[in-house]
Protein backbone atom coordinates (compact mmCIF):
# COMPACT_ATOMS: atom_id res chain seq x y z
CA UNK A 1 0.00 0.00 0.00
CA UNK A 2 2.90 2.36 0.62
CA UNK A 3 3.96 2.04 -3.02
CA UNK A 4 0.50 3.11 -4.16
CA UNK A 5 0.36 6.20 -1.98
CA UNK A 6 3.92 7.15 -2.93
CA UNK A 7 2.94 6.97 -6.60
CA UNK A 8 -0.25 9.00 -6.15
CA UNK A 9 1.32 11.73 -4.01
CA UNK A 10 4.93 11.77 -5.16
CA UNK A 11 6.06 10.48 -1.76
CA UNK A 12 4.64 13.44 0.20
CA UNK A 13 1.88 11.78 2.19
CA UNK A 14 1.15 8.76 4.31
CA UNK A 15 -1.88 6.74 5.32
CA UNK A 16 -3.99 7.57 8.34
CA UNK A 17 -4.31 4.19 10.02
CA UNK A 18 -7.03 2.72 12.18
CA UNK A 19 -6.34 3.02 15.91
CA UNK A 20 -4.42 0.08 17.38
CA UNK A 21 -3.75 -1.50 13.98
CA UNK A 22 -1.88 -1.06 10.73
CA UNK A 23 -5.03 -1.04 8.57
CA UNK A 24 -4.82 1.98 6.23
CA UNK A 25 -7.94 4.15 6.22
CA UNK A 26 -7.32 7.32 4.23
CA UNK A 27 -4.73 9.89 3.15
CA UNK A 28 -4.52 13.56 2.18
CA UNK A 29 -5.86 13.80 -1.37
CA UNK A 30 -4.97 17.47 -1.86
CA UNK A 31 -1.39 16.67 -2.88
CA UNK A 32 -2.19 14.16 -5.64
CA UNK A 33 -1.20 15.03 -9.20
CA UNK A 34 -3.88 16.39 -11.57
CA UNK A 35 -4.67 13.24 -13.56
CA UNK A 36 -5.11 11.29 -10.31
CA UNK A 37 -7.54 13.93 -9.04
CA UNK A 38 -9.58 13.75 -12.24
CA UNK A 39 -9.84 9.95 -12.09
CA UNK A 40 -10.58 10.17 -8.37
CA UNK A 41 -13.69 12.25 -9.13
CA UNK A 42 -14.79 9.65 -11.69
CA UNK A 43 -14.40 6.89 -9.10
CA UNK A 44 -16.37 8.87 -6.50
CA UNK A 45 -19.22 9.70 -8.85
CA UNK A 46 -19.52 6.60 -11.05
CA UNK A 47 -17.82 3.55 -9.57
CA UNK A 48 -17.85 3.91 -5.80
CA UNK A 49 -20.35 6.59 -4.92
CA UNK A 50 -19.92 8.14 -1.51
CA UNK A 51 -21.41 10.90 0.60
CA UNK A 52 -18.05 11.86 2.05
CA UNK A 53 -15.51 12.51 -0.71
CA UNK A 54 -12.82 13.43 1.81
CA UNK A 55 -12.39 9.76 2.75
CA UNK A 56 -10.22 8.21 0.07
CA UNK A 57 -10.09 4.64 1.32
CA UNK A 58 -7.57 1.92 0.55
CA UNK A 59 -9.78 0.10 -1.96
CA UNK A 60 -10.42 3.35 -3.87
CA UNK A 61 -6.67 3.99 -3.91
CA UNK A 62 -6.04 0.55 -5.39
CA UNK A 63 -8.72 1.17 -8.02
CA UNK A 64 -7.22 4.56 -8.92
CA UNK A 65 -3.70 3.12 -9.07
CA UNK A 66 -4.88 0.35 -11.39
CA UNK A 67 -6.56 2.84 -13.71
CA UNK A 68 -3.48 5.07 -13.85
CA UNK A 69 -1.23 2.08 -14.54
CA UNK A 70 -3.52 0.99 -17.42
CA UNK A 71 -4.21 -2.33 -15.71
CA UNK A 72 -7.42 -4.24 -16.21
CA UNK A 73 -9.68 -4.46 -13.19
CA UNK A 74 -13.05 -6.08 -12.70
CA UNK A 75 -15.20 -3.25 -11.43
CA UNK A 76 -17.93 -5.69 -10.43
CA UNK A 77 -15.71 -7.09 -7.69
CA UNK A 78 -15.15 -3.61 -6.25
CA UNK A 79 -18.74 -2.42 -6.23
PDB file of N, CA and C in Angstrom:
ATOM      1  N   UNK A   1       0.812  -1.191   0.000  1.00  0.00           N
ATOM      2  CA  UNK A   1       0.000   0.000   0.000  1.00  0.00           C
ATOM      3  C   UNK A   1       0.861   1.263   0.000  1.00  0.00           C
ATOM      4  N   UNK A   2       2.028   1.187   0.605  1.00  0.00           N
ATOM      5  CA  UNK A   2       2.901   2.362   0.622  1.00  0.00           C
ATOM      6  C   UNK A   2       3.337   2.751  -0.785  1.00  0.00           C
ATOM      7  N   UNK A   3       3.566   1.760  -1.643  1.00  0.00           N
ATOM      8  CA  UNK A   3       3.958   2.043  -3.016  1.00  0.00           C
ATOM      9  C   UNK A   3       2.867   2.789  -3.774  1.00  0.00           C
ATOM     10  N   UNK A   4       1.630   2.449  -3.497  1.00  0.00           N
ATOM     11  CA  UNK A   4       0.503   3.111  -4.163  1.00  0.00           C
ATOM     12  C   UNK A   4       0.416   4.566  -3.731  1.00  0.00           C
ATOM     13  N   UNK A   5       0.476   4.819  -2.441  1.00  0.00           N
ATOM     14  CA  UNK A   5       0.364   6.200  -1.977  1.00  0.00           C
ATOM     15  C   UNK A   5       1.568   7.031  -2.407  1.00  0.00           C
ATOM     16  N   UNK A   6       2.740   6.423  -2.449  1.00  0.00           N
ATOM     17  CA  UNK A   6       3.917   7.152  -2.931  1.00  0.00           C
ATOM     18  C   UNK A   6       3.754   7.540  -4.389  1.00  0.00           C
ATOM     19  N   UNK A   7       3.185   6.661  -5.192  1.00  0.00           N
ATOM     20  CA  UNK A   7       2.938   6.968  -6.600  1.00  0.00           C
ATOM     21  C   UNK A   7       1.921   8.103  -6.749  1.00  0.00           C
ATOM     22  N   UNK A   8       0.825   8.026  -6.006  1.00  0.00           N
ATOM     23  CA  UNK A   8      -0.247   9.005  -6.152  1.00  0.00           C
ATOM     24  C   UNK A   8       0.126  10.389  -5.627  1.00  0.00           C
ATOM     25  N   UNK A   9       1.004  10.446  -4.639  1.00  0.00           N
ATOM     26  CA  UNK A   9       1.320  11.732  -4.008  1.00  0.00           C
ATOM     27  C   UNK A   9       2.762  12.161  -4.213  1.00  0.00           C
ATOM     28  N   UNK A  10       3.525  11.416  -4.963  1.00  0.00           N
ATOM     29  CA  UNK A  10       4.929  11.771  -5.160  1.00  0.00           C
ATOM     30  C   UNK A  10       5.755  11.615  -3.896  1.00  0.00           C
ATOM     31  N   UNK A  11       5.323  10.752  -2.989  1.00  0.00           N
ATOM     32  CA  UNK A  11       6.061  10.484  -1.762  1.00  0.00           C
ATOM     33  C   UNK A  11       5.872  11.523  -0.677  1.00  0.00           C
ATOM     34  N   UNK A  12       4.817  12.358  -0.771  1.00  0.00           N
ATOM     35  CA  UNK A  12       4.636  13.442   0.196  1.00  0.00           C
ATOM     36  C   UNK A  12       3.492  13.234   1.178  1.00  0.00           C
ATOM     37  N   UNK A  13       2.981  12.033   1.278  1.00  0.00           N
ATOM     38  CA  UNK A  13       1.876  11.778   2.188  1.00  0.00           C
ATOM     39  C   UNK A  13       1.995  10.373   2.747  1.00  0.00           C
ATOM     40  N   UNK A  14       1.202  10.104   3.760  1.00  0.00           N
ATOM     41  CA  UNK A  14       1.147   8.755   4.313  1.00  0.00           C
ATOM     42  C   UNK A  14      -0.268   8.467   4.764  1.00  0.00           C
ATOM     43  N   UNK A  15      -0.554   7.178   4.932  1.00  0.00           N
ATOM     44  CA  UNK A  15      -1.883   6.738   5.315  1.00  0.00           C
ATOM     45  C   UNK A  15      -2.200   7.135   6.743  1.00  0.00           C
ATOM     46  N   UNK A  16      -3.455   7.478   6.990  1.00  0.00           N
ATOM     47  CA  UNK A  16      -3.985   7.572   8.340  1.00  0.00           C
ATOM     48  C   UNK A  16      -4.503   6.184   8.659  1.00  0.00           C
ATOM     49  N   UNK A  17      -3.962   5.578   9.709  1.00  0.00           N
ATOM     50  CA  UNK A  17      -4.311   4.189  10.022  1.00  0.00           C
ATOM     51  C   UNK A  17      -5.358   4.115  11.123  1.00  0.00           C
ATOM     52  N   UNK A  18      -6.041   2.991  11.143  1.00  0.00           N
ATOM     53  CA  UNK A  18      -7.028   2.715  12.177  1.00  0.00           C
ATOM     54  C   UNK A  18      -6.316   2.595  13.521  1.00  0.00           C
ATOM     55  N   UNK A  19      -6.940   3.073  14.572  1.00  0.00           N
ATOM     56  CA  UNK A  19      -6.343   3.021  15.907  1.00  0.00           C
ATOM     57  C   UNK A  19      -6.027   1.584  16.301  1.00  0.00           C
ATOM     58  N   UNK A  20      -4.875   1.376  16.877  1.00  0.00           N
ATOM     59  CA  UNK A  20      -4.416   0.083  17.380  1.00  0.00           C
ATOM     60  C   UNK A  20      -4.221  -0.970  16.286  1.00  0.00           C
ATOM     61  N   UNK A  21      -4.013  -0.543  15.043  1.00  0.00           N
ATOM     62  CA  UNK A  21      -3.745  -1.504  13.981  1.00  0.00           C
ATOM     63  C   UNK A  21      -2.991  -0.809  12.859  1.00  0.00           C
ATOM     64  N   UNK A  22      -2.598  -1.589  11.888  1.00  0.00           N
ATOM     65  CA  UNK A  22      -1.882  -1.060  10.727  1.00  0.00           C
ATOM     66  C   UNK A  22      -2.774  -0.971   9.495  1.00  0.00           C
ATOM     67  N   UNK A  23      -4.086  -1.077   9.682  1.00  0.00           N
ATOM     68  CA  UNK A  23      -5.027  -1.042   8.572  1.00  0.00           C
ATOM     69  C   UNK A  23      -5.122   0.392   8.044  1.00  0.00           C
ATOM     70  N   UNK A  24      -4.748   0.614   6.767  1.00  0.00           N
ATOM     71  CA  UNK A  24      -4.824   1.977   6.230  1.00  0.00           C
ATOM     72  C   UNK A  24      -6.269   2.411   5.990  1.00  0.00           C
ATOM     73  N   UNK A  25      -6.581   3.640   6.389  1.00  0.00           N
ATOM     74  CA  UNK A  25      -7.938   4.149   6.219  1.00  0.00           C
ATOM     75  C   UNK A  25      -8.049   5.194   5.120  1.00  0.00           C
ATOM     76  N   UNK A  26      -7.217   6.229   5.194  1.00  0.00           N
ATOM     77  CA  UNK A  26      -7.317   7.321   4.229  1.00  0.00           C
ATOM     78  C   UNK A  26      -6.010   8.094   4.192  1.00  0.00           C
ATOM     79  N   UNK A  27      -5.888   9.019   3.219  1.00  0.00           N
ATOM     80  CA  UNK A  27      -4.734   9.889   3.147  1.00  0.00           C
ATOM     81  C   UNK A  27      -5.148  11.236   2.586  1.00  0.00           C
ATOM     82  N   UNK A  28      -4.253  12.209   2.646  1.00  0.00           N
ATOM     83  CA  UNK A  28      -4.525  13.560   2.182  1.00  0.00           C
ATOM     84  C   UNK A  28      -4.545  13.594   0.662  1.00  0.00           C
ATOM     85  N   UNK A  29      -5.712  13.822   0.085  1.00  0.00           N
ATOM     86  CA  UNK A  29      -5.860  13.800  -1.372  1.00  0.00           C
ATOM     87  C   UNK A  29      -5.426  15.097  -2.029  1.00  0.00           C
ATOM     88  N   UNK A  30      -5.265  16.161  -1.285  1.00  0.00           N
ATOM     89  CA  UNK A  30      -4.973  17.475  -1.864  1.00  0.00           C
ATOM     90  C   UNK A  30      -3.632  17.510  -2.594  1.00  0.00           C
ATOM     91  N   UNK A  31      -2.714  16.613  -2.271  1.00  0.00           N
ATOM     92  CA  UNK A  31      -1.389  16.666  -2.883  1.00  0.00           C
ATOM     93  C   UNK A  31      -1.208  15.676  -4.032  1.00  0.00           C
ATOM     94  N   UNK A  32      -2.298  15.061  -4.493  1.00  0.00           N
ATOM     95  CA  UNK A  32      -2.194  14.158  -5.638  1.00  0.00           C
ATOM     96  C   UNK A  32      -1.987  14.960  -6.919  1.00  0.00           C
ATOM     97  N   UNK A  33      -1.384  14.336  -7.934  1.00  0.00           N
ATOM     98  CA  UNK A  33      -1.196  15.028  -9.199  1.00  0.00           C
ATOM     99  C   UNK A  33      -2.528  15.121  -9.937  1.00  0.00           C
ATOM    100  N   UNK A  34      -2.613  16.019 -10.928  1.00  0.00           N
ATOM    101  CA  UNK A  34      -3.875  16.388 -11.565  1.00  0.00           C
ATOM    102  C   UNK A  34      -4.633  15.209 -12.164  1.00  0.00           C
ATOM    103  N   UNK A  35      -3.966  14.359 -12.921  1.00  0.00           N
ATOM    104  CA  UNK A  35      -4.669  13.237 -13.556  1.00  0.00           C
ATOM    105  C   UNK A  35      -5.261  12.303 -12.501  1.00  0.00           C
ATOM    106  N   UNK A  36      -4.579  12.123 -11.391  1.00  0.00           N
ATOM    107  CA  UNK A  36      -5.112  11.292 -10.308  1.00  0.00           C
ATOM    108  C   UNK A  36      -6.366  11.929  -9.718  1.00  0.00           C
ATOM    109  N   UNK A  37      -6.361  13.250  -9.575  1.00  0.00           N
ATOM    110  CA  UNK A  37      -7.544  13.933  -9.039  1.00  0.00           C
ATOM    111  C   UNK A  37      -8.739  13.803  -9.981  1.00  0.00           C
ATOM    112  N   UNK A  38      -8.491  13.877 -11.274  1.00  0.00           N
ATOM    113  CA  UNK A  38      -9.576  13.746 -12.244  1.00  0.00           C
ATOM    114  C   UNK A  38     -10.187  12.347 -12.175  1.00  0.00           C
ATOM    115  N   UNK A  39      -9.344  11.320 -12.182  1.00  0.00           N
ATOM    116  CA  UNK A  39      -9.844   9.947 -12.093  1.00  0.00           C
ATOM    117  C   UNK A  39     -10.500   9.685 -10.738  1.00  0.00           C
ATOM    118  N   UNK A  40      -9.993  10.333  -9.692  1.00  0.00           N
ATOM    119  CA  UNK A  40     -10.580  10.173  -8.375  1.00  0.00           C
ATOM    120  C   UNK A  40     -12.033  10.639  -8.386  1.00  0.00           C
ATOM    121  N   UNK A  41     -12.316  11.764  -9.039  1.00  0.00           N
ATOM    122  CA  UNK A  41     -13.689  12.253  -9.127  1.00  0.00           C
ATOM    123  C   UNK A  41     -14.581  11.273  -9.899  1.00  0.00           C
ATOM    124  N   UNK A  42     -14.039  10.656 -10.943  1.00  0.00           N
ATOM    125  CA  UNK A  42     -14.789   9.645 -11.686  1.00  0.00           C
ATOM    126  C   UNK A  42     -15.125   8.461 -10.786  1.00  0.00           C
ATOM    127  N   UNK A  43     -14.162   8.017 -10.011  1.00  0.00           N
ATOM    128  CA  UNK A  43     -14.395   6.889  -9.099  1.00  0.00           C
ATOM    129  C   UNK A  43     -15.466   7.249  -8.081  1.00  0.00           C
ATOM    130  N   UNK A  44     -15.387   8.455  -7.501  1.00  0.00           N
ATOM    131  CA  UNK A  44     -16.366   8.871  -6.496  1.00  0.00           C
ATOM    132  C   UNK A  44     -17.769   9.002  -7.064  1.00  0.00           C
ATOM    133  N   UNK A  45     -17.892   9.453  -8.306  1.00  0.00           N
ATOM    134  CA  UNK A  45     -19.225   9.696  -8.849  1.00  0.00           C
ATOM    135  C   UNK A  45     -19.821   8.499  -9.584  1.00  0.00           C
ATOM    136  N   UNK A  46     -18.988   7.676 -10.199  1.00  0.00           N
ATOM    137  CA  UNK A  46     -19.519   6.597 -11.046  1.00  0.00           C
ATOM    138  C   UNK A  46     -19.298   5.187 -10.509  1.00  0.00           C
ATOM    139  N   UNK A  47     -18.151   4.931  -9.952  1.00  0.00           N
ATOM    140  CA  UNK A  47     -17.824   3.551  -9.571  1.00  0.00           C
ATOM    141  C   UNK A  47     -18.078   3.247  -8.107  1.00  0.00           C
ATOM    142  N   UNK A  48     -17.706   4.150  -7.237  1.00  0.00           N
ATOM    143  CA  UNK A  48     -17.845   3.907  -5.796  1.00  0.00           C
ATOM    144  C   UNK A  48     -18.428   5.158  -5.155  1.00  0.00           C
ATOM    145  N   UNK A  49     -19.700   5.383  -5.413  1.00  0.00           N
ATOM    146  CA  UNK A  49     -20.354   6.591  -4.921  1.00  0.00           C
ATOM    147  C   UNK A  49     -20.255   6.685  -3.405  1.00  0.00           C
ATOM    148  N   UNK A  50     -20.069   7.911  -2.940  1.00  0.00           N
ATOM    149  CA  UNK A  50     -19.916   8.143  -1.511  1.00  0.00           C
ATOM    150  C   UNK A  50     -20.506   9.489  -1.147  1.00  0.00           C
ATOM    151  N   UNK A  51     -20.921   9.617   0.097  1.00  0.00           N
ATOM    152  CA  UNK A  51     -21.413  10.903   0.596  1.00  0.00           C
ATOM    153  C   UNK A  51     -20.268  11.763   1.103  1.00  0.00           C
ATOM    154  N   UNK A  52     -19.171  11.140   1.477  1.00  0.00           N
ATOM    155  CA  UNK A  52     -18.054  11.861   2.049  1.00  0.00           C
ATOM    156  C   UNK A  52     -16.831  11.682   1.155  1.00  0.00           C
ATOM    157  N   UNK A  53     -16.609  12.619   0.249  1.00  0.00           N
ATOM    158  CA  UNK A  53     -15.510  12.506  -0.707  1.00  0.00           C
ATOM    159  C   UNK A  53     -14.156  12.773  -0.078  1.00  0.00           C
ATOM    160  N   UNK A  54     -14.116  13.188   1.178  1.00  0.00           N
ATOM    161  CA  UNK A  54     -12.820  13.427   1.811  1.00  0.00           C
ATOM    162  C   UNK A  54     -12.171  12.132   2.277  1.00  0.00           C
ATOM    163  N   UNK A  55     -12.933  11.052   2.340  1.00  0.00           N
ATOM    164  CA  UNK A  55     -12.390   9.757   2.746  1.00  0.00           C
ATOM    165  C   UNK A  55     -12.002   8.947   1.522  1.00  0.00           C
ATOM    166  N   UNK A  56     -10.736   8.981   1.195  1.00  0.00           N
ATOM    167  CA  UNK A  56     -10.216   8.206   0.070  1.00  0.00           C
ATOM    168  C   UNK A  56      -9.632   6.926   0.634  1.00  0.00           C
ATOM    169  N   UNK A  57     -10.435   5.876   0.635  1.00  0.00           N
ATOM    170  CA  UNK A  57     -10.085   4.641   1.316  1.00  0.00           C
ATOM    171  C   UNK A  57      -9.071   3.821   0.524  1.00  0.00           C
ATOM    172  N   UNK A  58      -8.585   2.774   1.156  1.00  0.00           N
ATOM    173  CA  UNK A  58      -7.566   1.919   0.550  1.00  0.00           C
ATOM    174  C   UNK A  58      -8.076   1.266  -0.726  1.00  0.00           C
ATOM    175  N   UNK A  59      -9.309   0.779  -0.748  1.00  0.00           N
ATOM    176  CA  UNK A  59      -9.777   0.105  -1.961  1.00  0.00           C
ATOM    177  C   UNK A  59      -9.964   1.095  -3.105  1.00  0.00           C
ATOM    178  N   UNK A  60     -10.336   2.338  -2.818  1.00  0.00           N
ATOM    179  CA  UNK A  60     -10.418   3.349  -3.870  1.00  0.00           C
ATOM    180  C   UNK A  60      -9.023   3.705  -4.385  1.00  0.00           C
ATOM    181  N   UNK A  61      -8.041   3.711  -3.494  1.00  0.00           N
ATOM    182  CA  UNK A  61      -6.666   3.994  -3.909  1.00  0.00           C
ATOM    183  C   UNK A  61      -6.146   2.904  -4.839  1.00  0.00           C
ATOM    184  N   UNK A  62      -6.455   1.656  -4.531  1.00  0.00           N
ATOM    185  CA  UNK A  62      -6.038   0.548  -5.394  1.00  0.00           C
ATOM    186  C   UNK A  62      -6.717   0.651  -6.747  1.00  0.00           C
ATOM    187  N   UNK A  63      -7.997   1.001  -6.763  1.00  0.00           N
ATOM    188  CA  UNK A  63      -8.720   1.165  -8.016  1.00  0.00           C
ATOM    189  C   UNK A  63      -8.115   2.300  -8.847  1.00  0.00           C
ATOM    190  N   UNK A  64      -7.820   3.424  -8.214  1.00  0.00           N
ATOM    191  CA  UNK A  64      -7.220   4.562  -8.917  1.00  0.00           C
ATOM    192  C   UNK A  64      -5.844   4.207  -9.453  1.00  0.00           C
ATOM    193  N   UNK A  65      -5.041   3.537  -8.642  1.00  0.00           N
ATOM    194  CA  UNK A  65      -3.703   3.123  -9.067  1.00  0.00           C
ATOM    195  C   UNK A  65      -3.778   2.199 -10.280  1.00  0.00           C
ATOM    196  N   UNK A  66      -4.716   1.275 -10.262  1.00  0.00           N
ATOM    197  CA  UNK A  66      -4.881   0.354 -11.389  1.00  0.00           C
ATOM    198  C   UNK A  66      -5.266   1.092 -12.659  1.00  0.00           C
ATOM    199  N   UNK A  67      -6.157   2.054 -12.551  1.00  0.00           N
ATOM    200  CA  UNK A  67      -6.560   2.844 -13.707  1.00  0.00           C
ATOM    201  C   UNK A  67      -5.375   3.619 -14.262  1.00  0.00           C
ATOM    202  N   UNK A  68      -4.614   4.261 -13.404  1.00  0.00           N
ATOM    203  CA  UNK A  68      -3.482   5.074 -13.850  1.00  0.00           C
ATOM    204  C   UNK A  68      -2.344   4.235 -14.425  1.00  0.00           C
ATOM    205  N   UNK A  69      -2.256   2.979 -14.028  1.00  0.00           N
ATOM    206  CA  UNK A  69      -1.226   2.081 -14.543  1.00  0.00           C
ATOM    207  C   UNK A  69      -1.706   1.319 -15.781  1.00  0.00           C
ATOM    208  N   UNK A  70      -2.917   1.629 -16.250  1.00  0.00           N
ATOM    209  CA  UNK A  70      -3.520   0.986 -17.424  1.00  0.00           C
ATOM    210  C   UNK A  70      -3.673  -0.518 -17.228  1.00  0.00           C
ATOM    211  N   UNK A  71      -3.973  -0.924 -16.011  1.00  0.00           N
ATOM    212  CA  UNK A  71      -4.206  -2.331 -15.711  1.00  0.00           C
ATOM    213  C   UNK A  71      -5.704  -2.625 -15.807  1.00  0.00           C
ATOM    214  N   UNK A  72      -6.024  -3.836 -16.155  1.00  0.00           N
ATOM    215  CA  UNK A  72      -7.418  -4.238 -16.206  1.00  0.00           C
ATOM    216  C   UNK A  72      -7.886  -4.588 -14.802  1.00  0.00           C
ATOM    217  N   UNK A  73      -9.073  -4.115 -14.472  1.00  0.00           N
ATOM    218  CA  UNK A  73      -9.678  -4.455 -13.190  1.00  0.00           C
ATOM    219  C   UNK A  73     -11.129  -4.832 -13.435  1.00  0.00           C
ATOM    220  N   UNK A  74     -11.641  -5.685 -12.613  1.00  0.00           N
ATOM    221  CA  UNK A  74     -13.051  -6.081 -12.702  1.00  0.00           C
ATOM    222  C   UNK A  74     -13.819  -5.192 -11.726  1.00  0.00           C
ATOM    223  N   UNK A  75     -14.491  -4.214 -12.262  1.00  0.00           N
ATOM    224  CA  UNK A  75     -15.203  -3.248 -11.435  1.00  0.00           C
ATOM    225  C   UNK A  75     -16.299  -3.926 -10.624  1.00  0.00           C
ATOM    226  N   UNK A  76     -16.878  -4.981 -11.141  1.00  0.00           N
ATOM    227  CA  UNK A  76     -17.931  -5.692 -10.428  1.00  0.00           C
ATOM    228  C   UNK A  76     -17.486  -6.250  -9.093  1.00  0.00           C
ATOM    229  N   UNK A  77     -16.225  -6.605  -8.973  1.00  0.00           N
ATOM    230  CA  UNK A  77     -15.710  -7.095  -7.688  1.00  0.00           C
ATOM    231  C   UNK A  77     -15.574  -5.960  -6.679  1.00  0.00           C
ATOM    232  N   UNK A  78     -15.381  -4.753  -7.141  1.00  0.00           N
ATOM    233  CA  UNK A  78     -15.152  -3.611  -6.253  1.00  0.00           C
ATOM    234  C   UNK A  78     -16.439  -2.968  -5.784  1.00  0.00           C
ATOM    235  N   UNK A  79     -17.496  -3.118  -6.578  1.00  0.00           N
ATOM    236  CA  UNK A  79     -18.741  -2.420  -6.232  1.00  0.00           C
ATOM    237  C   UNK A  79     -19.579  -3.259  -5.292  1.00  0.00           C
TER     238      UNK A  79
END
